[in-house]
Amino acid sequence: MNQISLGKSSLKVSQIGLGCINFGTKVHEEQAFELMNAYVRCGGNFFDTANNYAVWNGGDGSESEKTIGRWLKKEGNRGNIILATKLGAKPGNMNVNDFTNMQGLGRKVILKSVQESIENLQSDYLDLLYLHVDDFKTPQEETMATLSELVDKGLIRAIGCSNFYTWRIESARKICEKYNYHFFNAIQQRYSYLTPTIDTDFYPQVAVDQGLQKYIEYYRDLTLVAYSPLLKGQYNQQQILHEGYDTLFNQRKLKKLLEEEKSPNQWVLKYIMQQFGGSVALLTTSSIEHLMETMNCSI
């Protein structure tokens, strides 16, 4: 498994990351342990979770992190693993599990969330911390100052953002340049071979658009980490599954891909990994067979 650097950080991550969104909820612990072991044996080292995974499955948001933490303790391999988690999108009121009720990115939330994630993951630090969604109510100066402080203290090795508009990333950059704060090294966005229409409803997700693509290409200090790269089985189907992707252009692209490629999922992941000078694709699955097939691994 090829590894690349995340932005200008010292982190070297495998170009296929393991999405752990359902660990501890839909994917029970024993199954999650088997998936993580298989992923590592296939050469992977990059685990992706969040402090709200997965409240929509009936959990409290800590299940995924705690499952990974117990696995790390059992395997004793923390030094070989790059852990990425996220904060900001956890419900402030657990009785309202939607995106109208997020904790946000204020200083108190960040400090508390980081400590909780470190404890859940049974680690002394986080390799990569994402701002899960943007928070327009909190001054960006407060958010970036707090993150930079945690990096300086060694509690976080690198920071990233997810589901951010390009202009907000640039705004954060200007703040970091002004005050000499640490800036983002990674951006996690929805990205695949097929492209969604500009009016599709992915709220609060933001698909990678041409503006963000040009931004990443220009600065070259942000590594794209693509989630939903396989669009939930889209590349195993002849028909477009999600109306947000159902365009004539995508229909033609999909038809050509399925006609020319024996392993369309592997091809799509390889395509994504080649973008922007090297990107990461997050693979989320509950099947070891699917994991190994997609990673082209025969252990």
C-alpha atoms as a PDB file:
ATOM      1  CA  MET A   1       0.000   0.000   0.000  1.00  0.00           C
ATOM      2  CA  ASN A   2       1.481   3.305  -1.094  1.00  0.00           C
ATOM      3  CA  GLN A   3       1.810   6.047   1.516  1.00  0.00           C
ATOM      4  CA  ILE A   4       1.793   9.814   1.095  1.00  0.00           C
ATOM      5  CA  SER A   5       2.373  12.800   3.360  1.00  0.00           C
ATOM      6  CA  LEU A   6      -0.637  14.672   4.678  1.00  0.00           C
ATOM      7  CA  GLY A   7      -0.073  18.226   3.509  1.00  0.00           C
ATOM      8  CA  LYS A   8       3.125  19.612   4.983  1.00  0.00           C
ATOM      9  CA  SER A   9       2.852  17.517   8.133  1.00  0.00           C
ATOM     10  CA  SER A  10       5.145  14.662   9.145  1.00  0.00           C
ATOM     11  CA  LEU A  11       2.285  12.164   8.896  1.00  0.00           C
ATOM     12  CA  LYS A  12       2.656   9.397   6.305  1.00  0.00           C
ATOM     13  CA  VAL A  13      -0.642   7.681   5.586  1.00  0.00           C
ATOM     14  CA  SER A  14      -1.760   4.839   3.357  1.00  0.00           C
ATOM     15  CA  GLN A  15      -3.720   6.042   0.349  1.00  0.00           C
ATOM     16  CA  ILE A  16      -6.655   3.858   1.255  1.00  0.00           C
ATOM     17  CA  GLY A  17      -7.944   4.785   4.692  1.00  0.00           C
ATOM     18  CA  LEU A  18     -10.326   2.713   6.778  1.00  0.00           C
ATOM     19  CA  GLY A  19     -13.613   4.448   7.532  1.00  0.00           C
ATOM     20  CA  CYS A  20     -14.755   3.355  10.992  1.00  0.00           C
ATOM     21  CA  ILE A  21     -18.087   5.169  11.054  1.00  0.00           C
ATOM     22  CA  ASN A  22     -20.197   2.137  12.025  1.00  0.00           C
ATOM     23  CA  PHE A  23     -17.800   0.476  14.463  1.00  0.00           C
ATOM     24  CA  GLY A  24     -19.526  -0.277  17.750  1.00  0.00           C
ATOM     25  CA  THR A  25     -23.014   0.306  16.350  1.00  0.00           C
ATOM     26  CA  LYS A  26     -23.913  -1.415  13.066  1.00  0.00           C
ATOM     27  CA  VAL A  27     -20.553  -3.219  13.036  1.00  0.00           C
ATOM     28  CA  HIS A  28     -20.132  -5.088  16.326  1.00  0.00           C
ATOM     29  CA  GLU A  29     -16.793  -5.077  18.109  1.00  0.00           C
ATOM     30  CA  GLU A  30     -15.559  -8.531  17.115  1.00  0.00           C
ATOM     31  CA  GLN A  31     -16.316  -7.809  13.465  1.00  0.00           C
ATOM     32  CA  ALA A  32     -14.624  -4.391  13.715  1.00  0.00           C
ATOM     33  CA  PHE A  33     -11.502  -5.980  15.207  1.00  0.00           C
ATOM     34  CA  GLU A  34     -11.350  -8.440  12.299  1.00  0.00           C
ATOM     35  CA  LEU A  35     -11.714  -5.619   9.782  1.00  0.00           C
ATOM     36  CA  MET A  36      -8.959  -3.545  11.399  1.00  0.00           C
ATOM     37  CA  ASN A  37      -6.624  -6.540  11.544  1.00  0.00           C
ATOM     38  CA  ALA A  38      -7.265  -7.369   7.890  1.00  0.00           C
ATOM     39  CA  TYR A  39      -6.782  -3.735   6.872  1.00  0.00           C
ATOM     40  CA  VAL A  40      -3.411  -3.562   8.644  1.00  0.00           C
ATOM     41  CA  ARG A  41      -2.292  -6.875   7.138  1.00  0.00           C
ATOM     42  CA  CYS A  42      -3.118  -5.395   3.712  1.00  0.00           C
ATOM     43  CA  GLY A  43      -0.720  -2.520   4.412  1.00  0.00           C
ATOM     44  CA  GLY A  44      -3.119   0.131   5.712  1.00  0.00           C
ATOM     45  CA  ASN A  45      -2.347   2.454   8.625  1.00  0.00           C
ATOM     46  CA  PHE A  46      -4.902   5.299   8.409  1.00  0.00           C
ATOM     47  CA  PHE A  47      -8.049   5.050  10.555  1.00  0.00           C
ATOM     48  CA  ASP A  48     -10.884   7.570  10.249  1.00  0.00           C
ATOM     49  CA  THR A  49     -13.485   8.163  12.949  1.00  0.00           C
ATOM     50  CA  ALA A  50     -15.325  11.007  14.741  1.00  0.00           C
ATOM     51  CA  ASN A  51     -16.725  11.840  18.142  1.00  0.00           C
ATOM     52  CA  ASN A  52     -20.299  11.568  16.856  1.00  0.00           C
ATOM     53  CA  TYR A  53     -20.074   8.138  15.178  1.00  0.00           C
ATOM     54  CA  ALA A  54     -22.749   7.004  15.044  1.00  0.00           C
ATOM     55  CA  VAL A  55     -25.484   8.801  16.949  1.00  0.00           C
ATOM     56  CA  TRP A  56     -27.944   8.154  14.098  1.00  0.00           C
ATOM     57  CA  ASN A  57     -27.530   4.417  14.739  1.00  0.00           C
ATOM     58  CA  GLY A  58     -28.683   4.838  18.322  1.00  0.00           C
ATOM     59  CA  GLY A  59     -25.266   5.423  19.899  1.00  0.00           C
ATOM     60  CA  ASP A  60     -23.942   8.321  21.938  1.00  0.00           C
ATOM     61  CA  GLY A  61     -21.171   9.130  19.447  1.00  0.00           C
ATOM     62  CA  SER A  62     -18.296   7.502  21.327  1.00  0.00           C
ATOM     63  CA  GLU A  63     -18.785   3.941  20.072  1.00  0.00           C
ATOM     64  CA  SER A  64     -16.402   4.075  17.100  1.00  0.00           C
ATOM     65  CA  GLU A  65     -13.581   5.771  19.008  1.00  0.00           C
ATOM     66  CA  LYS A  66     -13.920   3.388  21.956  1.00  0.00           C
ATOM     67  CA  THR A  67     -13.932   0.345  19.686  1.00  0.00           C
ATOM     68  CA  ILE A  68     -10.711   1.491  18.016  1.00  0.00           C
ATOM     69  CA  GLY A  69      -9.218   2.264  21.431  1.00  0.00           C
ATOM     70  CA  ARG A  70      -9.896  -1.236  22.739  1.00  0.00           C
ATOM     71  CA  TRP A  71      -8.402  -2.728  19.569  1.00  0.00           C
ATOM     72  CA  LEU A  72      -5.273  -0.585  19.910  1.00  0.00           C
ATOM     73  CA  LYS A  73      -4.855  -1.682  23.518  1.00  0.00           C
ATOM     74  CA  LYS A  74      -5.271  -5.325  22.555  1.00  0.00           C
ATOM     75  CA  GLU A  75      -2.864  -5.172  19.619  1.00  0.00           C
ATOM     76  CA  GLY A  76      -0.329  -2.807  21.222  1.00  0.00           C
ATOM     77  CA  ASN A  77       0.387  -1.163  17.872  1.00  0.00           C
ATOM     78  CA  ARG A  78      -0.445   2.507  18.487  1.00  0.00           C
ATOM     79  CA  GLY A  79       2.880   3.694  17.092  1.00  0.00           C
ATOM     80  CA  ASN A  80       2.147   2.098  13.712  1.00  0.00           C
ATOM     81  CA  ILE A  81      -1.318   3.624  13.314  1.00  0.00           C
ATOM     82  CA  ILE A  82      -2.369   7.100  12.160  1.00  0.00           C
ATOM     83  CA  LEU A  83      -5.577   8.050  13.969  1.00  0.00           C
ATOM     84  CA  ALA A  84      -7.890  10.715  12.586  1.00  0.00           C
ATOM     85  CA  THR A  85     -10.982  11.862  14.430  1.00  0.00           C
ATOM     86  CA  LYS A  86     -13.350  14.821  14.172  1.00  0.00           C
ATOM     87  CA  LEU A  87     -15.219  17.200  16.429  1.00  0.00           C
ATOM     88  CA  GLY A  88     -17.887  19.853  16.172  1.00  0.00           C
ATOM     89  CA  ALA A  89     -20.841  17.898  14.735  1.00  0.00           C
ATOM     90  CA  LYS A  90     -21.815  15.995  17.869  1.00  0.00           C
ATOM     91  CA  PRO A  91     -25.303  17.005  19.031  1.00  0.00           C
ATOM     92  CA  GLY A  92     -25.399  19.426  21.904  1.00  0.00           C
ATOM     93  CA  ASN A  93     -28.645  17.785  22.945  1.00  0.00           C
ATOM     94  CA  MET A  94     -28.541  14.021  22.449  1.00  0.00           C
ATOM     95  CA  ASN A  95     -32.321  13.957  22.156  1.00  0.00           C
ATOM     96  CA  VAL A  96     -32.014  15.853  18.858  1.00  0.00           C
ATOM     97  CA  ASN A  97     -29.664  13.823  16.671  1.00  0.00           C
ATOM     98  CA  ASP A  98     -29.503  15.978  13.574  1.00  0.00           C
ATOM     99  CA  PHE A  99     -27.443  18.811  12.153  1.00  0.00           C
ATOM    100  CA  THR A 100     -29.560  21.576  13.674  1.00  0.00           C
ATOM    101  CA  ASN A 101     -28.035  20.948  17.063  1.00  0.00           C
ATOM    102  CA  MET A 102     -24.253  20.697  16.645  1.00  0.00           C
ATOM    103  CA  GLN A 103     -21.789  21.550  19.404  1.00  0.00           C
ATOM    104  CA  GLY A 104     -19.767  23.823  17.159  1.00  0.00           C
ATOM    105  CA  LEU A 105     -16.122  24.865  17.218  1.00  0.00           C
ATOM    106  CA  GLY A 106     -15.772  27.071  20.277  1.00  0.00           C
ATOM    107  CA  ARG A 107     -12.715  26.810  22.524  1.00  0.00           C
ATOM    108  CA  LYS A 108     -14.487  24.983  25.369  1.00  0.00           C
ATOM    109  CA  VAL A 109     -15.957  22.413  22.992  1.00  0.00           C
ATOM    110  CA  ILE A 110     -12.602  21.777  21.315  1.00  0.00           C
ATOM    111  CA  LEU A 111     -10.678  21.334  24.581  1.00  0.00           C
ATOM    112  CA  LYS A 112     -13.304  19.011  26.063  1.00  0.00           C
ATOM    113  CA  SER A 113     -13.773  17.011  22.866  1.00  0.00           C
ATOM    114  CA  VAL A 114     -10.049  16.457  22.326  1.00  0.00           C
ATOM    115  CA  GLN A 115      -9.602  15.150  25.857  1.00  0.00           C
ATOM    116  CA  GLU A 116     -12.592  12.828  25.487  1.00  0.00           C
ATOM    117  CA  SER A 117     -11.364  11.496  22.139  1.00  0.00           C
ATOM    118  CA  ILE A 118      -7.888  10.853  23.524  1.00  0.00           C
ATOM    119  CA  GLU A 119      -9.430   8.875  26.390  1.00  0.00           C
ATOM    120  CA  ASN A 120     -11.796   6.977  24.088  1.00  0.00           C
ATOM    121  CA  LEU A 121      -8.947   6.019  21.759  1.00  0.00           C
ATOM    122  CA  GLN A 122      -6.719   5.056  24.709  1.00  0.00           C
ATOM    123  CA  SER A 123      -3.937   7.227  23.341  1.00  0.00           C
ATOM    124  CA  ASP A 124      -1.844  10.132  24.558  1.00  0.00           C
ATOM    125  CA  TYR A 125      -2.434  12.183  21.405  1.00  0.00           C
ATOM    126  CA  LEU A 126      -4.377  12.461  18.161  1.00  0.00           C
ATOM    127  CA  ASP A 127      -2.524  12.213  14.874  1.00  0.00           C
ATOM    128  CA  LEU A 128      -5.066  14.204  12.879  1.00  0.00           C
ATOM    129  CA  LEU A 129      -8.005  16.230  14.160  1.00  0.00           C
ATOM    130  CA  TYR A 130     -10.637  17.470  11.721  1.00  0.00           C
ATOM    131  CA  LEU A 131     -13.163  20.206  12.211  1.00  0.00           C
ATOM    132  CA  HIS A 132     -16.096  18.017  11.181  1.00  0.00           C
ATOM    133  CA  VAL A 133     -18.337  20.818   9.907  1.00  0.00           C
ATOM    134  CA  ASP A 134     -17.975  24.581   9.830  1.00  0.00           C
ATOM    135  CA  ASP A 135     -19.319  26.807  12.597  1.00  0.00           C
ATOM    136  CA  PHE A 136     -20.290  30.277  11.434  1.00  0.00           C
ATOM    137  CA  LYS A 137     -21.254  31.409  14.934  1.00  0.00           C
ATOM    138  CA  THR A 138     -17.784  31.034  16.453  1.00  0.00           C
ATOM    139  CA  PRO A 139     -15.020  33.416  15.334  1.00  0.00           C
ATOM    140  CA  GLN A 140     -12.466  31.520  13.281  1.00  0.00           C
ATOM    141  CA  GLU A 141      -9.721  33.247  15.245  1.00  0.00           C
ATOM    142  CA  GLU A 142     -10.912  31.444  18.381  1.00  0.00           C
ATOM    143  CA  THR A 143     -11.069  28.076  16.660  1.00  0.00           C
ATOM    144  CA  MET A 144      -7.694  28.268  14.919  1.00  0.00           C
ATOM    145  CA  ALA A 145      -5.952  29.666  18.005  1.00  0.00           C
ATOM    146  CA  THR A 146      -7.220  26.777  20.122  1.00  0.00           C
ATOM    147  CA  LEU A 147      -6.172  24.169  17.573  1.00  0.00           C
ATOM    148  CA  SER A 148      -2.738  25.721  17.210  1.00  0.00           C
ATOM    149  CA  GLU A 149      -2.307  25.684  20.983  1.00  0.00           C
ATOM    150  CA  LEU A 150      -3.118  21.961  21.114  1.00  0.00           C
ATOM    151  CA  VAL A 151      -0.626  21.232  18.335  1.00  0.00           C
ATOM    152  CA  ASP A 152       2.069  23.110  20.245  1.00  0.00           C
ATOM    153  CA  LYS A 153       1.251  21.067  23.356  1.00  0.00           C
ATOM    154  CA  GLY A 154       1.647  17.813  21.418  1.00  0.00           C
ATOM    155  CA  LEU A 155      -1.940  16.676  21.894  1.00  0.00           C
ATOM    156  CA  ILE A 156      -2.545  16.904  18.136  1.00  0.00           C
ATOM    157  CA  ARG A 157       0.031  16.253  15.432  1.00  0.00           C
ATOM    158  CA  ALA A 158      -1.918  17.795  12.542  1.00  0.00           C
ATOM    159  CA  ILE A 159      -5.260  19.454  11.859  1.00  0.00           C
ATOM    160  CA  GLY A 160      -7.752  19.311   9.033  1.00  0.00           C
ATOM    161  CA  CYS A 161     -11.225  20.424   8.028  1.00  0.00           C
ATOM    162  CA  SER A 162     -14.195  18.619   6.539  1.00  0.00           C
ATOM    163  CA  ASN A 163     -17.277  19.828   4.670  1.00  0.00           C
ATOM    164  CA  PHE A 164     -15.883  23.368   4.400  1.00  0.00           C
ATOM    165  CA  TYR A 165     -16.490  25.926   1.679  1.00  0.00           C
ATOM    166  CA  THR A 166     -13.362  27.076  -0.120  1.00  0.00           C
ATOM    167  CA  TRP A 167     -13.721  30.695   0.999  1.00  0.00           C
ATOM    168  CA  ARG A 168     -13.800  29.599   4.630  1.00  0.00           C
ATOM    169  CA  ILE A 169     -10.594  27.606   4.191  1.00  0.00           C
ATOM    170  CA  GLU A 170      -8.940  30.685   2.718  1.00  0.00           C
ATOM    171  CA  SER A 171     -10.262  32.789   5.592  1.00  0.00           C
ATOM    172  CA  ALA A 172      -8.676  30.355   8.068  1.00  0.00           C
ATOM    173  CA  ARG A 173      -5.422  30.498   6.093  1.00  0.00           C
ATOM    174  CA  LYS A 174      -5.263  34.274   6.380  1.00  0.00           C
ATOM    175  CA  ILE A 175      -5.836  34.081  10.135  1.00  0.00           C
ATOM    176  CA  CYS A 176      -3.095  31.492  10.527  1.00  0.00           C
ATOM    177  CA  GLU A 177      -0.672  33.568   8.459  1.00  0.00           C
ATOM    178  CA  LYS A 178      -1.451  36.694  10.496  1.00  0.00           C
ATOM    179  CA  TYR A 179      -0.988  35.088  13.916  1.00  0.00           C
ATOM    180  CA  ASN A 180       1.489  32.346  12.982  1.00  0.00           C
ATOM    181  CA  TYR A 181      -0.986  29.582  13.849  1.00  0.00           C
ATOM    182  CA  HIS A 182      -0.801  26.041  12.528  1.00  0.00           C
ATOM    183  CA  PHE A 183      -2.894  25.604   9.377  1.00  0.00           C
ATOM    184  CA  PHE A 184      -4.799  22.649   7.959  1.00  0.00           C
ATOM    185  CA  ASN A 185      -2.904  19.750   6.415  1.00  0.00           C
ATOM    186  CA  ALA A 186      -5.896  17.792   5.131  1.00  0.00           C
ATOM    187  CA  ILE A 187      -9.394  18.382   3.887  1.00  0.00           C
ATOM    188  CA  GLN A 188     -11.976  15.609   3.936  1.00  0.00           C
ATOM    189  CA  GLN A 189     -14.761  16.038   1.394  1.00  0.00           C
ATOM    190  CA  ARG A 190     -17.189  13.940  -0.577  1.00  0.00           C
ATOM    191  CA  TYR A 191     -15.407  12.987  -3.795  1.00  0.00           C
ATOM    192  CA  SER A 192     -15.674  10.246  -6.407  1.00  0.00           C
ATOM    193  CA  TYR A 193     -15.276   9.536 -10.118  1.00  0.00           C
ATOM    194  CA  LEU A 194     -18.844  10.613 -10.861  1.00  0.00           C
ATOM    195  CA  THR A 195     -19.647  14.224 -10.032  1.00  0.00           C
ATOM    196  CA  PRO A 196     -22.884  15.415  -8.376  1.00  0.00           C
ATOM    197  CA  THR A 197     -25.072  18.178  -9.687  1.00  0.00           C
ATOM    198  CA  ILE A 198     -24.520  21.625  -8.204  1.00  0.00           C
ATOM    199  CA  ASP A 199     -27.954  21.663  -6.532  1.00  0.00           C
ATOM    200  CA  THR A 200     -27.884  18.217  -4.908  1.00  0.00           C
ATOM    201  CA  ASP A 201     -28.788  18.101  -1.238  1.00  0.00           C
ATOM    202  CA  PHE A 202     -25.763  16.889   0.700  1.00  0.00           C
ATOM    203  CA  TYR A 203     -26.244  19.313   3.572  1.00  0.00           C
ATOM    204  CA  PRO A 204     -24.056  19.925   5.473  1.00  0.00           C
ATOM    205  CA  GLN A 205     -21.670  18.041   3.203  1.00  0.00           C
ATOM    206  CA  VAL A 206     -19.990  19.949   0.393  1.00  0.00           C
ATOM    207  CA  ALA A 207     -18.876  18.034  -2.669  1.00  0.00           C
ATOM    208  CA  VAL A 208     -15.496  18.950  -4.128  1.00  0.00           C
ATOM    209  CA  ASP A 209     -16.235  21.540  -6.795  1.00  0.00           C
ATOM    210  CA  GLN A 210     -13.959  23.105  -9.395  1.00  0.00           C
ATOM    211  CA  GLY A 211     -13.171  26.029  -7.115  1.00  0.00           C
ATOM    212  CA  LEU A 212     -11.889  23.766  -4.350  1.00  0.00           C
ATOM    213  CA  GLN A 213     -10.022  21.600  -6.840  1.00  0.00           C
ATOM    214  CA  LYS A 214      -8.149  24.627  -8.153  1.00  0.00           C
ATOM    215  CA  TYR A 215      -7.486  25.748  -4.589  1.00  0.00           C
ATOM    216  CA  ILE A 216      -5.901  22.404  -3.638  1.00  0.00           C
ATOM    217  CA  GLU A 217      -3.884  22.331  -6.853  1.00  0.00           C
ATOM    218  CA  TYR A 218      -2.618  25.875  -6.313  1.00  0.00           C
ATOM    219  CA  TYR A 219      -1.490  25.662  -2.698  1.00  0.00           C
ATOM    220  CA  ARG A 220      -0.424  21.984  -2.596  1.00  0.00           C
ATOM    221  CA  ASP A 221      -0.384  21.992   1.212  1.00  0.00           C
ATOM    222  CA  LEU A 222      -3.798  20.369   1.641  1.00  0.00           C
ATOM    223  CA  THR A 223      -4.196  16.657   1.003  1.00  0.00           C
ATOM    224  CA  LEU A 224      -7.655  15.570  -0.084  1.00  0.00           C
ATOM    225  CA  VAL A 225      -9.164  12.719   1.928  1.00  0.00           C
ATOM    226  CA  ALA A 226     -12.161  11.544  -0.077  1.00  0.00           C
ATOM    227  CA  TYR A 227     -15.151  10.031   1.670  1.00  0.00           C
ATOM    228  CA  SER A 228     -17.924   8.073  -0.047  1.00  0.00           C
ATOM    229  CA  PRO A 229     -15.513   7.342  -2.924  1.00  0.00           C
ATOM    230  CA  LEU A 230     -17.504   4.312  -4.122  1.00  0.00           C
ATOM    231  CA  LEU A 231     -20.916   5.952  -3.653  1.00  0.00           C
ATOM    232  CA  LYS A 232     -22.369   3.034  -1.685  1.00  0.00           C
ATOM    233  CA  GLY A 233     -21.988   0.401  -4.378  1.00  0.00           C
ATOM    234  CA  GLN A 234     -22.651   2.637  -7.385  1.00  0.00           C
ATOM    235  CA  TYR A 235     -19.844   1.154  -9.466  1.00  0.00           C
ATOM    236  CA  ASN A 236     -21.389  -2.310  -9.205  1.00  0.00           C
ATOM    237  CA  GLN A 237     -24.637  -1.083 -10.815  1.00  0.00           C
ATOM    238  CA  GLN A 238     -25.633  -0.197 -14.363  1.00  0.00           C
ATOM    239  CA  GLN A 239     -28.089   2.486 -13.261  1.00  0.00           C
ATOM    240  CA  ILE A 240     -27.369   5.688 -11.342  1.00  0.00           C
ATOM    241  CA  LEU A 241     -28.476   5.086  -7.746  1.00  0.00           C
ATOM    242  CA  HIS A 242     -28.644   8.634  -6.367  1.00  0.00           C
ATOM    243  CA  GLU A 243     -30.620  11.304  -8.163  1.00  0.00           C
ATOM    244  CA  GLY A 244     -27.923  13.857  -7.346  1.00  0.00           C
ATOM    245  CA  TYR A 245     -25.619  12.010  -9.759  1.00  0.00           C
ATOM    246  CA  ASP A 246     -28.196  11.128 -12.394  1.00  0.00           C
ATOM    247  CA  THR A 247     -27.001  13.163 -15.359  1.00  0.00           C
ATOM    248  CA  LEU A 248     -26.376  12.170 -18.962  1.00  0.00           C
ATOM    249  CA  PHE A 249     -22.671  12.882 -18.490  1.00  0.00           C
ATOM    250  CA  ASN A 250     -22.456  10.523 -15.504  1.00  0.00           C
ATOM    251  CA  GLN A 251     -24.515   7.871 -17.264  1.00  0.00           C
ATOM    252  CA  ARG A 252     -22.003   7.856 -20.116  1.00  0.00           C
ATOM    253  CA  LYS A 253     -19.018   7.815 -17.742  1.00  0.00           C
ATOM    254  CA  LEU A 254     -20.461   4.903 -15.770  1.00  0.00           C
ATOM    255  CA  LYS A 255     -21.337   2.901 -18.898  1.00  0.00           C
ATOM    256  CA  LYS A 256     -17.829   3.336 -20.287  1.00  0.00           C
ATOM    257  CA  LEU A 257     -16.231   2.406 -16.947  1.00  0.00           C
ATOM    258  CA  LEU A 258     -18.258  -0.787 -16.555  1.00  0.00           C
ATOM    259  CA  GLU A 259     -17.561  -1.819 -20.146  1.00  0.00           C
ATOM    260  CA  GLU A 260     -13.813  -1.279 -19.911  1.00  0.00           C
ATOM    261  CA  GLU A 261     -12.887  -2.291 -16.360  1.00  0.00           C
ATOM    262  CA  LYS A 262     -13.157  -5.732 -14.771  1.00  0.00           C
ATOM    263  CA  SER A 263     -12.690  -4.241 -11.280  1.00  0.00           C
ATOM    264  CA  PRO A 264     -14.426  -0.854 -11.415  1.00  0.00           C
ATOM    265  CA  ASN A 265     -14.141  -0.251  -7.651  1.00  0.00           C
ATOM    266  CA  GLN A 266     -10.381  -0.709  -7.724  1.00  0.00           C
ATOM    267  CA  TRP A 267     -10.153   1.559 -10.762  1.00  0.00           C
ATOM    268  CA  VAL A 268     -12.165   4.325  -9.060  1.00  0.00           C
ATOM    269  CA  LEU A 269     -10.004   4.196  -5.934  1.00  0.00           C
ATOM    270  CA  LYS A 270      -6.858   4.353  -8.049  1.00  0.00           C
ATOM    271  CA  TYR A 271      -8.305   7.302  -9.969  1.00  0.00           C
ATOM    272  CA  ILE A 272      -9.008   9.181  -6.736  1.00  0.00           C
ATOM    273  CA  MET A 273      -5.566   8.434  -5.306  1.00  0.00           C
ATOM    274  CA  GLN A 274      -3.951  10.003  -8.376  1.00  0.00           C
ATOM    275  CA  GLN A 275      -5.793  13.317  -8.050  1.00  0.00           C
ATOM    276  CA  PHE A 276      -4.166  16.562  -6.870  1.00  0.00           C
ATOM    277  CA  GLY A 277      -0.688  15.095  -6.692  1.00  0.00           C
ATOM    278  CA  GLY A 278      -1.859  12.264  -4.422  1.00  0.00           C
ATOM    279  CA  SER A 279      -5.068  11.867  -2.434  1.00  0.00           C
ATOM    280  CA  VAL A 280      -6.546   9.418   0.075  1.00  0.00           C
ATOM    281  CA  ALA A 281      -9.717   7.398  -0.437  1.00  0.00           C
ATOM    282  CA  LEU A 282     -11.663   6.259   2.635  1.00  0.00           C
ATOM    283  CA  LEU A 283     -13.064   2.755   2.375  1.00  0.00           C
ATOM    284  CA  THR A 284     -16.041   1.972   4.603  1.00  0.00           C
ATOM    285  CA  THR A 285     -17.240  -1.618   4.704  1.00  0.00           C
ATOM    286  CA  SER A 286     -18.518  -4.326   7.015  1.00  0.00           C
ATOM    287  CA  SER A 287     -17.130  -7.154   4.872  1.00  0.00           C
ATOM    288  CA  ILE A 288     -13.571  -8.442   5.042  1.00  0.00           C
ATOM    289  CA  GLU A 289     -14.022  -9.942   1.590  1.00  0.00           C
ATOM    290  CA  HIS A 290     -15.044  -6.571   0.175  1.00  0.00           C
ATOM    291  CA  LEU A 291     -12.180  -4.881   1.996  1.00  0.00           C
ATOM    292  CA  MET A 292      -9.565  -7.257   0.606  1.00  0.00           C
ATOM    293  CA  GLU A 293     -11.028  -7.277  -2.888  1.00  0.00           C
ATOM    294  CA  THR A 294     -11.165  -3.495  -3.077  1.00  0.00           C
ATOM    295  CA  MET A 295      -7.641  -3.122  -1.677  1.00  0.00           C
ATOM    296  CA  ASN A 296      -6.480  -5.815  -4.121  1.00  0.00           C
ATOM    297  CA  CYS A 297      -5.085  -7.778  -1.186  1.00  0.00           C
ATOM    298  CA  SER A 298      -4.810 -11.576  -1.054  1.00  0.00           C
ATOM    299  CA  ILE A 299      -3.713 -12.263   2.529  1.00  0.00           C
END
